[in-house]
Amino acid sequence: MFNQLLNDFEMEHKFAPLTIDNLLDYYQKKYINGEIDIKTYHNIYSCLHEKGAVSAHESPLK
């Protein structure tokens, strides 16, 4: 699943995400914009979170 997530990002942006957090942010935006459903987003979130991704919404303010 992870490789497919990367491929989809790269196909749309023509470059790789700088961090895994950027990849998560990309899919969060897709969910917010109604491009993916909650079940799909949950699966993506779980996959990326297992790999260490942290949402910008979870990051503590510095």
N, C-alpha and C. Protein backbone atom coordinates (compact mmCIF):
# COMPACT_ATOMS: atom_id res chain seq x y z
N MET A 1 0.83 -1.19 0.00
CA MET A 1 0.00 0.00 0.00
C MET A 1 0.88 1.26 0.00
N PHE A 2 1.94 1.25 0.80
CA PHE A 2 2.80 2.43 0.92
C PHE A 2 3.37 2.85 -0.44
N ASN A 3 3.85 1.88 -1.20
CA ASN A 3 4.42 2.21 -2.51
C ASN A 3 3.39 2.82 -3.44
N GLN A 4 2.16 2.35 -3.37
CA GLN A 4 1.09 2.92 -4.20
C GLN A 4 0.79 4.35 -3.78
N LEU A 5 0.81 4.61 -2.48
CA LEU A 5 0.58 5.98 -1.99
C LEU A 5 1.66 6.92 -2.51
N LEU A 6 2.90 6.47 -2.47
CA LEU A 6 4.00 7.27 -3.01
C LEU A 6 3.84 7.50 -4.50
N ASN A 7 3.52 6.43 -5.22
CA ASN A 7 3.34 6.55 -6.68
C ASN A 7 2.24 7.54 -7.04
N ASP A 8 1.13 7.48 -6.34
CA ASP A 8 0.01 8.39 -6.61
C ASP A 8 0.41 9.84 -6.36
N PHE A 9 1.12 10.08 -5.28
CA PHE A 9 1.61 11.43 -4.97
C PHE A 9 2.53 11.92 -6.09
N GLU A 10 3.49 11.08 -6.46
CA GLU A 10 4.47 11.46 -7.47
C GLU A 10 3.84 11.68 -8.84
N MET A 11 2.83 10.90 -9.18
CA MET A 11 2.14 11.08 -10.46
C MET A 11 1.46 12.45 -10.51
N GLU A 12 0.86 12.86 -9.41
CA GLU A 12 0.14 14.14 -9.40
C GLU A 12 1.09 15.33 -9.30
N HIS A 13 2.15 15.21 -8.50
CA HIS A 13 3.03 16.35 -8.24
C HIS A 13 4.29 16.39 -9.10
N LYS A 14 4.63 15.26 -9.71
CA LYS A 14 5.85 15.16 -10.54
C LYS A 14 7.13 15.26 -9.70
N PHE A 15 7.02 15.01 -8.41
CA PHE A 15 8.18 14.91 -7.52
C PHE A 15 7.77 14.08 -6.30
N ALA A 16 8.77 13.57 -5.60
CA ALA A 16 8.51 12.77 -4.40
C ALA A 16 8.23 13.70 -3.21
N PRO A 17 7.44 13.24 -2.25
CA PRO A 17 7.22 14.06 -1.06
C PRO A 17 8.54 14.23 -0.30
N LEU A 18 8.74 15.38 0.28
CA LEU A 18 9.97 15.64 1.02
C LEU A 18 10.06 14.79 2.29
N THR A 19 8.91 14.58 2.93
CA THR A 19 8.86 13.76 4.14
C THR A 19 7.60 12.90 4.10
N ILE A 20 7.58 11.92 4.96
CA ILE A 20 6.37 11.08 5.08
C ILE A 20 5.21 11.92 5.63
N ASP A 21 5.53 12.95 6.40
CA ASP A 21 4.49 13.85 6.92
C ASP A 21 3.81 14.59 5.76
N ASN A 22 4.60 14.99 4.75
CA ASN A 22 4.02 15.64 3.57
C ASN A 22 3.06 14.71 2.85
N LEU A 23 3.40 13.44 2.83
CA LEU A 23 2.53 12.45 2.18
C LEU A 23 1.21 12.35 2.94
N LEU A 24 1.27 12.32 4.24
CA LEU A 24 0.05 12.29 5.06
C LEU A 24 -0.77 13.55 4.84
N ASP A 25 -0.14 14.70 4.81
CA ASP A 25 -0.86 15.96 4.59
C ASP A 25 -1.59 15.94 3.24
N TYR A 26 -0.93 15.39 2.24
CA TYR A 26 -1.53 15.28 0.91
C TYR A 26 -2.83 14.47 0.96
N TYR A 27 -2.79 13.34 1.63
CA TYR A 27 -3.99 12.50 1.70
C TYR A 27 -5.05 13.09 2.62
N GLN A 28 -4.64 13.85 3.64
CA GLN A 28 -5.62 14.54 4.47
C GLN A 28 -6.39 15.57 3.62
N LYS A 29 -5.68 16.28 2.78
CA LYS A 29 -6.34 17.26 1.90
C LYS A 29 -7.30 16.57 0.95
N LYS A 30 -6.90 15.40 0.43
CA LYS A 30 -7.79 14.66 -0.46
C LYS A 30 -9.07 14.26 0.28
N TYR A 31 -8.95 13.86 1.53
CA TYR A 31 -10.12 13.49 2.33
C TYR A 31 -11.00 14.72 2.57
N ILE A 32 -10.39 15.81 3.00
CA ILE A 32 -11.14 17.04 3.28
C ILE A 32 -11.87 17.54 2.04
N ASN A 33 -11.24 17.38 0.88
CA ASN A 33 -11.86 17.83 -0.38
C ASN A 33 -12.86 16.83 -0.94
N GLY A 34 -13.09 15.73 -0.22
CA GLY A 34 -14.07 14.74 -0.65
C GLY A 34 -13.59 13.82 -1.77
N GLU A 35 -12.28 13.78 -1.99
CA GLU A 35 -11.74 12.95 -3.06
C GLU A 35 -11.55 11.50 -2.64
N ILE A 36 -11.47 11.26 -1.32
CA ILE A 36 -11.43 9.89 -0.79
C ILE A 36 -12.39 9.80 0.39
N ASP A 37 -12.91 8.61 0.63
CA ASP A 37 -13.87 8.44 1.73
C ASP A 37 -13.16 8.18 3.05
N ILE A 38 -13.92 8.17 4.13
CA ILE A 38 -13.35 8.03 5.47
C ILE A 38 -12.66 6.69 5.65
N LYS A 39 -13.21 5.63 5.11
CA LYS A 39 -12.58 4.31 5.26
C LYS A 39 -11.22 4.27 4.56
N THR A 40 -11.16 4.81 3.36
CA THR A 40 -9.90 4.87 2.63
C THR A 40 -8.90 5.73 3.37
N TYR A 41 -9.35 6.89 3.85
CA TYR A 41 -8.46 7.78 4.61
C TYR A 41 -7.94 7.08 5.86
N HIS A 42 -8.80 6.39 6.56
CA HIS A 42 -8.39 5.70 7.78
C HIS A 42 -7.30 4.67 7.48
N ASN A 43 -7.47 3.92 6.40
CA ASN A 43 -6.46 2.93 6.01
C ASN A 43 -5.13 3.60 5.66
N ILE A 44 -5.21 4.70 4.92
CA ILE A 44 -4.01 5.45 4.55
C ILE A 44 -3.34 6.02 5.79
N TYR A 45 -4.13 6.63 6.66
CA TYR A 45 -3.59 7.20 7.90
C TYR A 45 -2.88 6.13 8.71
N SER A 46 -3.50 4.98 8.88
CA SER A 46 -2.90 3.89 9.66
C SER A 46 -1.58 3.44 9.06
N CYS A 47 -1.55 3.28 7.74
CA CYS A 47 -0.34 2.85 7.05
C CYS A 47 0.78 3.86 7.25
N LEU A 48 0.50 5.12 7.05
CA LEU A 48 1.53 6.15 7.16
C LEU A 48 1.94 6.40 8.61
N HIS A 49 0.97 6.32 9.52
CA HIS A 49 1.27 6.52 10.93
C HIS A 49 2.20 5.41 11.45
N GLU A 50 1.99 4.17 10.98
CA GLU A 50 2.87 3.06 11.35
C GLU A 50 4.30 3.31 10.90
N LYS A 51 4.46 4.07 9.83
CA LYS A 51 5.79 4.37 9.30
C LYS A 51 6.38 5.65 9.91
N GLY A 52 5.65 6.24 10.86
CA GLY A 52 6.18 7.39 11.58
C GLY A 52 5.61 8.74 11.18
N ALA A 53 4.65 8.77 10.28
CA ALA A 53 4.07 10.04 9.85
C ALA A 53 3.28 10.67 11.00
N VAL A 54 3.41 11.99 11.07
CA VAL A 54 2.67 12.76 12.05
C VAL A 54 1.95 13.88 11.32
N SER A 55 0.67 13.99 11.55
CA SER A 55 -0.13 15.03 10.92
C SER A 55 0.29 16.40 11.43
N ALA A 56 0.21 17.39 10.56
CA ALA A 56 0.48 18.77 10.96
C ALA A 56 -0.48 19.18 12.08
N HIS A 57 -1.64 18.54 12.12
CA HIS A 57 -2.64 18.83 13.16
C HIS A 57 -2.28 18.19 14.50
N GLU A 58 -1.37 17.23 14.49
CA GLU A 58 -0.94 16.56 15.72
C GLU A 58 0.34 17.15 16.28
N SER A 59 1.09 17.86 15.46
CA SER A 59 2.39 18.37 15.87
C SER A 59 2.21 19.46 16.93
N PRO A 60 3.02 19.37 17.98
CA PRO A 60 2.95 20.45 18.99
C PRO A 60 3.51 21.75 18.43
N LEU A 61 2.97 22.84 18.86
CA LEU A 61 3.46 24.15 18.41
C LEU A 61 4.81 24.41 19.05
N LYS A 62 5.69 25.01 18.27
CA LYS A 62 7.03 25.32 18.79
C LYS A 62 7.19 26.81 18.97
